[in-house]
N, C-alpha and C. Protein backbone atom coordinates (compact mmCIF):
# COMPACT_ATOMS: atom_id res chain seq x y z
N MET A 1 24.77 2.46 78.43
CA MET A 1 24.76 1.02 78.56
C MET A 1 23.64 0.60 79.49
N LYS A 2 23.04 -0.51 79.18
CA LYS A 2 21.96 -0.99 80.02
C LYS A 2 22.53 -1.66 81.26
N LYS A 3 21.66 -1.76 82.24
CA LYS A 3 22.07 -2.31 83.53
C LYS A 3 22.55 -3.76 83.41
N ASN A 4 21.89 -4.55 82.56
CA ASN A 4 22.28 -5.96 82.40
C ASN A 4 23.70 -6.08 81.84
N TYR A 5 24.02 -5.23 80.87
CA TYR A 5 25.36 -5.28 80.28
C TYR A 5 26.43 -4.89 81.30
N ILE A 6 26.14 -3.91 82.11
CA ILE A 6 27.10 -3.45 83.12
C ILE A 6 27.33 -4.54 84.16
N ILE A 7 26.25 -5.20 84.59
CA ILE A 7 26.37 -6.28 85.58
C ILE A 7 27.21 -7.42 85.02
N VAL A 8 26.95 -7.83 83.77
CA VAL A 8 27.71 -8.92 83.16
C VAL A 8 29.17 -8.52 83.00
N PHE A 9 29.42 -7.30 82.56
CA PHE A 9 30.78 -6.84 82.34
C PHE A 9 31.59 -6.81 83.64
N PHE A 10 31.04 -6.16 84.68
CA PHE A 10 31.79 -6.05 85.93
C PHE A 10 31.94 -7.38 86.66
N SER A 11 30.91 -8.23 86.59
CA SER A 11 31.07 -9.54 87.23
C SER A 11 32.11 -10.38 86.49
N GLY A 12 32.16 -10.28 85.18
CA GLY A 12 33.17 -10.99 84.42
C GLY A 12 34.57 -10.49 84.72
N VAL A 13 34.71 -9.18 84.86
CA VAL A 13 36.03 -8.61 85.19
C VAL A 13 36.46 -9.03 86.59
N LEU A 14 35.53 -9.01 87.55
CA LEU A 14 35.88 -9.42 88.91
C LEU A 14 36.26 -10.90 88.97
N ILE A 15 35.52 -11.74 88.26
CA ILE A 15 35.86 -13.17 88.23
C ILE A 15 37.21 -13.38 87.55
N SER A 16 37.48 -12.61 86.48
CA SER A 16 38.77 -12.73 85.79
C SER A 16 39.93 -12.28 86.69
N LEU A 17 39.71 -11.23 87.49
CA LEU A 17 40.76 -10.81 88.44
C LEU A 17 41.01 -11.88 89.49
N PHE A 18 39.95 -12.51 89.95
CA PHE A 18 40.11 -13.60 90.91
C PHE A 18 40.87 -14.77 90.27
N LEU A 19 40.54 -15.09 89.02
CA LEU A 19 41.21 -16.19 88.33
C LEU A 19 42.67 -15.86 88.01
N TYR A 20 43.02 -14.57 87.96
CA TYR A 20 44.41 -14.18 87.71
C TYR A 20 45.32 -14.64 88.85
N LEU A 21 44.74 -14.71 90.05
CA LEU A 21 45.53 -15.18 91.19
C LEU A 21 45.91 -16.65 91.03
N ILE A 22 45.10 -17.40 90.29
CA ILE A 22 45.36 -18.82 90.10
C ILE A 22 46.25 -19.04 88.88
N SER A 23 45.81 -18.48 87.70
CA SER A 23 46.57 -18.71 86.48
C SER A 23 46.17 -17.66 85.44
N ALA A 24 47.12 -17.31 84.60
CA ALA A 24 46.85 -16.37 83.52
C ALA A 24 45.96 -16.99 82.46
N TYR A 25 46.06 -18.28 82.28
CA TYR A 25 45.21 -18.97 81.30
C TYR A 25 43.75 -18.94 81.73
N LEU A 26 43.53 -19.11 83.02
CA LEU A 26 42.16 -19.03 83.52
C LEU A 26 41.60 -17.61 83.38
N THR A 27 42.46 -16.60 83.49
CA THR A 27 42.03 -15.22 83.29
C THR A 27 41.57 -15.01 81.86
N ALA A 28 42.33 -15.52 80.92
CA ALA A 28 41.94 -15.40 79.51
C ALA A 28 40.63 -16.14 79.25
N THR A 29 40.48 -17.30 79.87
CA THR A 29 39.23 -18.05 79.71
C THR A 29 38.06 -17.27 80.29
N GLY A 30 38.25 -16.67 81.44
CA GLY A 30 37.19 -15.86 82.06
C GLY A 30 36.81 -14.67 81.20
N LEU A 31 37.79 -14.02 80.59
CA LEU A 31 37.49 -12.88 79.71
C LEU A 31 36.75 -13.33 78.45
N ILE A 32 37.13 -14.48 77.92
CA ILE A 32 36.45 -14.99 76.73
C ILE A 32 35.00 -15.34 77.05
N VAL A 33 34.77 -15.99 78.19
CA VAL A 33 33.40 -16.32 78.59
C VAL A 33 32.58 -15.06 78.84
N THR A 34 33.18 -14.05 79.45
CA THR A 34 32.48 -12.78 79.69
C THR A 34 32.11 -12.11 78.37
N GLY A 35 33.04 -12.07 77.45
CA GLY A 35 32.75 -11.47 76.15
C GLY A 35 31.68 -12.22 75.39
N THR A 36 31.71 -13.55 75.49
CA THR A 36 30.70 -14.37 74.82
C THR A 36 29.31 -14.12 75.41
N LEU A 37 29.21 -14.05 76.72
CA LEU A 37 27.91 -13.77 77.36
C LEU A 37 27.40 -12.38 77.00
N ALA A 38 28.28 -11.39 77.01
CA ALA A 38 27.86 -10.04 76.65
C ALA A 38 27.37 -10.00 75.20
N LEU A 39 28.08 -10.67 74.31
CA LEU A 39 27.67 -10.73 72.91
C LEU A 39 26.34 -11.47 72.75
N LEU A 40 26.14 -12.52 73.50
CA LEU A 40 24.88 -13.27 73.47
C LEU A 40 23.71 -12.39 73.88
N PHE A 41 23.85 -11.64 74.97
CA PHE A 41 22.77 -10.75 75.40
C PHE A 41 22.50 -9.67 74.37
N PHE A 42 23.55 -9.11 73.82
CA PHE A 42 23.39 -8.04 72.82
C PHE A 42 22.70 -8.55 71.56
N MET A 43 23.12 -9.73 71.07
CA MET A 43 22.54 -10.27 69.84
C MET A 43 21.09 -10.70 70.04
N SER A 44 20.76 -11.26 71.18
CA SER A 44 19.38 -11.70 71.40
C SER A 44 18.45 -10.50 71.49
N GLU A 45 18.90 -9.42 72.09
CA GLU A 45 18.07 -8.22 72.18
C GLU A 45 17.89 -7.56 70.81
N SER A 46 18.95 -7.48 70.02
CA SER A 46 18.83 -6.86 68.71
C SER A 46 18.01 -7.73 67.76
N ALA A 47 18.12 -9.06 67.85
CA ALA A 47 17.32 -9.95 67.01
C ALA A 47 15.85 -9.85 67.37
N GLU A 48 15.55 -9.70 68.64
CA GLU A 48 14.16 -9.56 69.07
C GLU A 48 13.55 -8.28 68.51
N ASN A 49 14.32 -7.21 68.48
CA ASN A 49 13.82 -5.95 67.93
C ASN A 49 13.64 -6.02 66.42
N ILE A 50 14.51 -6.74 65.73
CA ILE A 50 14.43 -6.85 64.28
C ILE A 50 13.23 -7.68 63.86
N MET A 51 13.00 -8.79 64.53
CA MET A 51 11.97 -9.73 64.11
C MET A 51 10.56 -9.33 64.54
N GLN A 52 10.40 -8.32 65.36
CA GLN A 52 9.08 -7.90 65.80
C GLN A 52 8.50 -6.89 64.82
N ARG A 53 8.18 -7.36 63.61
CA ARG A 53 7.58 -6.50 62.61
C ARG A 53 6.78 -7.34 61.63
N PRO A 54 5.84 -6.73 60.92
CA PRO A 54 5.10 -7.48 59.91
C PRO A 54 5.93 -7.65 58.64
N ILE A 55 5.82 -8.81 58.02
CA ILE A 55 6.49 -9.10 56.76
C ILE A 55 5.45 -9.68 55.81
N LEU A 56 5.12 -8.96 54.76
CA LEU A 56 4.09 -9.41 53.83
C LEU A 56 4.71 -10.09 52.62
N SER A 57 3.99 -11.07 52.11
CA SER A 57 4.40 -11.76 50.90
C SER A 57 3.15 -12.12 50.11
N ALA A 58 3.33 -12.39 48.81
CA ALA A 58 2.21 -12.73 47.93
C ALA A 58 2.56 -13.96 47.12
N TYR A 59 1.58 -14.84 46.97
CA TYR A 59 1.76 -16.08 46.21
C TYR A 59 0.64 -16.19 45.19
N PRO A 60 0.97 -16.45 43.92
CA PRO A 60 -0.09 -16.63 42.92
C PRO A 60 -0.80 -17.96 43.12
N LYS A 61 -2.07 -17.98 42.75
CA LYS A 61 -2.86 -19.21 42.84
C LYS A 61 -3.01 -19.79 41.43
N PRO A 62 -3.37 -21.06 41.33
CA PRO A 62 -3.56 -21.66 40.01
C PRO A 62 -4.60 -20.91 39.19
N GLY A 63 -4.30 -20.71 37.93
CA GLY A 63 -5.17 -19.95 37.05
C GLY A 63 -4.71 -18.51 36.87
N ASN A 64 -3.86 -18.04 37.76
CA ASN A 64 -3.29 -16.69 37.70
C ASN A 64 -4.33 -15.59 37.64
N LYS A 65 -5.50 -15.82 38.21
CA LYS A 65 -6.50 -14.76 38.33
C LYS A 65 -6.71 -14.38 39.80
N SER A 66 -5.88 -14.90 40.66
CA SER A 66 -5.97 -14.57 42.08
C SER A 66 -4.61 -14.80 42.72
N PHE A 67 -4.44 -14.21 43.87
CA PHE A 67 -3.22 -14.42 44.64
C PHE A 67 -3.53 -14.31 46.12
N THR A 68 -2.63 -14.84 46.92
CA THR A 68 -2.79 -14.85 48.38
C THR A 68 -1.76 -13.93 49.00
N VAL A 69 -2.21 -13.08 49.90
CA VAL A 69 -1.32 -12.22 50.67
C VAL A 69 -1.17 -12.85 52.05
N VAL A 70 0.08 -13.02 52.49
CA VAL A 70 0.38 -13.69 53.75
C VAL A 70 1.25 -12.78 54.60
N ASN A 71 0.94 -12.67 55.89
CA ASN A 71 1.79 -11.96 56.82
C ASN A 71 2.70 -12.97 57.49
N LEU A 72 3.98 -12.97 57.12
CA LEU A 72 4.95 -13.91 57.65
C LEU A 72 5.65 -13.39 58.91
N GLY A 73 5.39 -12.16 59.29
CA GLY A 73 6.07 -11.55 60.43
C GLY A 73 5.43 -11.91 61.75
N ASN A 74 5.89 -11.26 62.81
CA ASN A 74 5.42 -11.53 64.16
C ASN A 74 4.44 -10.49 64.68
N LYS A 75 4.14 -9.47 63.91
CA LYS A 75 3.19 -8.44 64.32
C LYS A 75 2.13 -8.26 63.27
N SER A 76 1.05 -7.61 63.65
CA SER A 76 -0.04 -7.35 62.71
C SER A 76 0.34 -6.23 61.75
N ALA A 77 -0.10 -6.37 60.52
CA ALA A 77 0.08 -5.33 59.51
C ALA A 77 -1.24 -4.55 59.41
N LEU A 78 -1.17 -3.25 59.44
CA LEU A 78 -2.35 -2.40 59.41
C LEU A 78 -2.35 -1.53 58.16
N ASP A 79 -3.52 -1.16 57.70
CA ASP A 79 -3.70 -0.25 56.57
C ASP A 79 -2.86 -0.67 55.36
N ILE A 80 -3.10 -1.86 54.88
CA ILE A 80 -2.32 -2.42 53.79
C ILE A 80 -2.90 -1.94 52.47
N SER A 81 -2.07 -1.29 51.68
CA SER A 81 -2.45 -0.87 50.34
C SER A 81 -1.67 -1.71 49.34
N ILE A 82 -2.40 -2.37 48.43
CA ILE A 82 -1.78 -3.27 47.47
C ILE A 82 -2.06 -2.75 46.07
N LYS A 83 -1.01 -2.57 45.28
CA LYS A 83 -1.13 -2.13 43.89
C LYS A 83 -0.52 -3.20 43.00
N VAL A 84 -1.27 -3.60 41.97
CA VAL A 84 -0.80 -4.60 41.02
C VAL A 84 -0.58 -3.89 39.69
N LEU A 85 0.68 -3.86 39.27
CA LEU A 85 1.03 -3.23 38.01
C LEU A 85 1.48 -4.29 37.03
N PRO A 86 1.25 -4.21 35.80
CA PRO A 86 0.77 -3.12 34.94
C PRO A 86 -0.76 -3.09 34.78
N HIS A 87 -1.50 -3.79 35.62
CA HIS A 87 -2.95 -3.88 35.47
C HIS A 87 -3.70 -2.74 36.16
N ASN A 88 -2.99 -1.90 36.92
CA ASN A 88 -3.57 -0.78 37.64
C ASN A 88 -4.71 -1.21 38.56
N LEU A 89 -4.49 -2.29 39.28
CA LEU A 89 -5.46 -2.77 40.26
C LEU A 89 -5.00 -2.33 41.64
N GLU A 90 -5.94 -1.89 42.45
CA GLU A 90 -5.63 -1.48 43.82
C GLU A 90 -6.57 -2.20 44.78
N PHE A 91 -5.99 -2.65 45.90
CA PHE A 91 -6.74 -3.32 46.94
C PHE A 91 -6.34 -2.72 48.27
N PHE A 92 -7.25 -2.81 49.24
CA PHE A 92 -6.97 -2.27 50.57
C PHE A 92 -7.43 -3.27 51.62
N ILE A 93 -6.55 -3.59 52.55
CA ILE A 93 -6.85 -4.48 53.68
C ILE A 93 -6.61 -3.69 54.96
N THR A 94 -7.56 -3.71 55.86
CA THR A 94 -7.40 -2.91 57.09
C THR A 94 -6.45 -3.56 58.09
N ASN A 95 -6.51 -4.89 58.24
CA ASN A 95 -5.70 -5.55 59.25
C ASN A 95 -5.39 -6.97 58.78
N LEU A 96 -4.14 -7.38 58.94
CA LEU A 96 -3.72 -8.74 58.65
C LEU A 96 -2.82 -9.20 59.79
N ASN A 97 -3.34 -10.10 60.62
CA ASN A 97 -2.59 -10.58 61.79
C ASN A 97 -1.44 -11.48 61.37
N SER A 98 -0.62 -11.82 62.32
CA SER A 98 0.53 -12.68 62.06
C SER A 98 0.07 -14.05 61.60
N ASP A 99 0.72 -14.58 60.56
CA ASP A 99 0.43 -15.89 59.96
C ASP A 99 -1.00 -15.99 59.43
N GLU A 100 -1.55 -14.89 59.00
CA GLU A 100 -2.90 -14.89 58.46
C GLU A 100 -2.84 -14.69 56.95
N ASN A 101 -3.75 -15.32 56.23
CA ASN A 101 -3.83 -15.24 54.77
C ASN A 101 -5.02 -14.37 54.37
N TYR A 102 -4.90 -13.78 53.19
CA TYR A 102 -6.02 -13.05 52.61
C TYR A 102 -5.99 -13.30 51.10
N ASP A 103 -7.07 -13.89 50.58
CA ASP A 103 -7.14 -14.20 49.16
C ASP A 103 -7.74 -13.03 48.40
N ILE A 104 -7.11 -12.67 47.29
CA ILE A 104 -7.58 -11.58 46.45
C ILE A 104 -7.90 -12.14 45.07
N GLU A 105 -9.13 -11.95 44.65
CA GLU A 105 -9.60 -12.41 43.34
C GLU A 105 -9.55 -11.25 42.36
N CYS A 106 -9.09 -11.51 41.14
CA CYS A 106 -9.01 -10.51 40.09
C CYS A 106 -9.80 -10.98 38.88
N GLU A 107 -10.27 -10.04 38.10
CA GLU A 107 -10.98 -10.39 36.87
C GLU A 107 -10.00 -10.62 35.73
N LYS A 108 -8.85 -9.98 35.80
CA LYS A 108 -7.86 -10.06 34.73
C LYS A 108 -6.86 -11.17 35.01
N PHE A 109 -6.25 -11.67 33.94
CA PHE A 109 -5.15 -12.61 34.05
C PHE A 109 -3.92 -11.84 34.50
N LEU A 110 -3.35 -12.22 35.64
CA LEU A 110 -2.25 -11.45 36.21
C LEU A 110 -0.95 -11.65 35.45
N GLY A 111 -0.64 -12.87 35.02
CA GLY A 111 0.60 -13.11 34.29
C GLY A 111 1.81 -12.72 35.10
N ASN A 112 2.77 -12.10 34.44
CA ASN A 112 3.94 -11.59 35.13
C ASN A 112 3.66 -10.15 35.54
N SER A 113 3.34 -9.96 36.78
CA SER A 113 3.02 -8.62 37.26
C SER A 113 3.77 -8.34 38.55
N ARG A 114 3.78 -7.08 38.93
CA ARG A 114 4.45 -6.65 40.15
C ARG A 114 3.41 -6.22 41.16
N VAL A 115 3.69 -6.54 42.41
CA VAL A 115 2.80 -6.19 43.51
C VAL A 115 3.57 -5.25 44.44
N PHE A 116 2.98 -4.09 44.72
CA PHE A 116 3.58 -3.11 45.62
C PHE A 116 2.74 -3.04 46.89
N PHE A 117 3.39 -3.25 48.03
CA PHE A 117 2.73 -3.17 49.33
C PHE A 117 3.18 -1.91 50.04
N THR A 118 2.26 -1.21 50.66
CA THR A 118 2.58 -0.19 51.65
C THR A 118 1.71 -0.50 52.86
N TYR A 119 2.33 -0.61 54.02
CA TYR A 119 1.61 -0.98 55.22
C TYR A 119 2.33 -0.42 56.43
N SER A 120 1.70 -0.51 57.58
CA SER A 120 2.30 -0.02 58.82
C SER A 120 2.05 -1.03 59.93
N ASP A 121 2.81 -0.89 61.01
CA ASP A 121 2.60 -1.75 62.17
C ASP A 121 1.81 -1.00 63.22
N ASP A 122 1.63 -1.61 64.39
CA ASP A 122 0.81 -0.99 65.43
C ASP A 122 1.46 0.23 66.06
N LYS A 123 2.77 0.41 65.88
CA LYS A 123 3.45 1.60 66.40
C LYS A 123 3.44 2.76 65.42
N GLY A 124 2.93 2.53 64.22
CA GLY A 124 2.84 3.59 63.22
C GLY A 124 3.99 3.64 62.24
N LYS A 125 4.94 2.74 62.36
CA LYS A 125 6.07 2.71 61.43
C LYS A 125 5.59 2.14 60.11
N SER A 126 5.89 2.82 59.02
CA SER A 126 5.40 2.37 57.71
C SER A 126 6.49 1.60 56.97
N TYR A 127 6.05 0.66 56.13
CA TYR A 127 6.93 -0.20 55.35
C TYR A 127 6.46 -0.21 53.91
N GLU A 128 7.39 -0.48 53.01
CA GLU A 128 7.08 -0.66 51.60
C GLU A 128 7.79 -1.92 51.11
N LYS A 129 7.11 -2.65 50.21
CA LYS A 129 7.70 -3.86 49.68
C LYS A 129 7.23 -4.07 48.26
N LYS A 130 8.12 -4.59 47.41
CA LYS A 130 7.81 -4.87 46.01
C LYS A 130 8.09 -6.34 45.74
N LEU A 131 7.10 -7.03 45.14
CA LEU A 131 7.25 -8.44 44.79
C LEU A 131 6.83 -8.66 43.35
N GLU A 132 7.27 -9.76 42.78
CA GLU A 132 6.85 -10.13 41.43
C GLU A 132 6.03 -11.40 41.49
N LEU A 133 4.89 -11.39 40.79
CA LEU A 133 4.07 -12.59 40.63
C LEU A 133 4.39 -13.16 39.26
N LYS A 134 4.98 -14.32 39.23
CA LYS A 134 5.36 -14.96 37.96
C LYS A 134 4.31 -15.98 37.59
N SER A 135 3.91 -15.99 36.33
CA SER A 135 2.88 -16.92 35.88
C SER A 135 3.40 -18.33 35.73
N ASP A 136 4.71 -18.51 35.56
CA ASP A 136 5.24 -19.86 35.40
C ASP A 136 5.48 -20.55 36.73
N ILE A 137 5.50 -19.80 37.81
CA ILE A 137 5.67 -20.38 39.14
C ILE A 137 4.34 -20.23 39.88
N VAL A 138 3.52 -21.22 39.79
CA VAL A 138 2.22 -21.20 40.46
C VAL A 138 2.26 -22.20 41.59
N THR A 139 2.05 -21.71 42.79
CA THR A 139 2.10 -22.58 43.96
C THR A 139 0.89 -22.32 44.84
N ASP A 140 0.50 -23.34 45.54
CA ASP A 140 -0.46 -23.17 46.62
C ASP A 140 0.35 -22.99 47.89
N TYR A 141 0.11 -21.92 48.59
CA TYR A 141 0.87 -21.65 49.80
C TYR A 141 0.43 -22.61 50.90
N ASP A 142 1.39 -23.34 51.44
CA ASP A 142 1.13 -24.26 52.53
C ASP A 142 2.28 -24.14 53.52
N PRO A 143 2.06 -23.53 54.68
CA PRO A 143 3.17 -23.33 55.62
C PRO A 143 3.68 -24.63 56.23
N THR A 144 2.90 -25.72 56.15
CA THR A 144 3.35 -26.98 56.73
C THR A 144 4.12 -27.85 55.75
N LYS A 145 4.16 -27.43 54.49
CA LYS A 145 4.87 -28.22 53.48
C LYS A 145 6.38 -28.05 53.69
N PRO A 146 7.14 -29.16 53.72
CA PRO A 146 8.58 -29.05 53.94
C PRO A 146 9.27 -28.38 52.75
N LEU A 147 10.36 -27.69 53.05
CA LEU A 147 11.11 -27.00 52.02
C LEU A 147 11.73 -28.00 51.04
N ILE A 148 12.31 -29.06 51.56
CA ILE A 148 12.90 -30.11 50.73
C ILE A 148 12.16 -31.40 51.07
N PRO A 149 11.25 -31.83 50.20
CA PRO A 149 10.51 -33.06 50.51
C PRO A 149 11.39 -34.29 50.33
N ILE A 150 11.54 -35.07 51.38
CA ILE A 150 12.39 -36.25 51.33
C ILE A 150 11.57 -37.47 50.95
N PHE A 151 10.40 -37.61 51.56
CA PHE A 151 9.57 -38.78 51.30
C PHE A 151 8.32 -38.33 50.56
N GLU A 152 8.16 -38.76 49.34
CA GLU A 152 6.94 -38.43 48.59
C GLU A 152 6.39 -39.66 47.95
């Protein structure tokens, strides 16, 4: 157990013992607050570890002869290998920082194709991802565009 968890646990138990002298209901309240704080610390630490990684995505561009690769994660993606099947196209990107785009132009019409990513982060952990580029869903990637447009 980490030092922070031990401090929260023992301080909560000591406060709950003190509250037992006043009322049993206050003891239960103290234990609930202690458990909630311990859970909060644990969840925030685990969420921080989960979200600190690169997450790649691909969006087709109008005309379906190009697509955009976007790093949606919080870390840089290194040594990115991109394979587009069934066209047997391969691309290689050395580095893609967080929230950075990279446009890839193709000579062939991509249509409905699959994109396979293999990449690693700065710690050397490797990732694989498979996406589909659909020709009927053509979008321009805009991170500032609202998910549900209310006023148009």
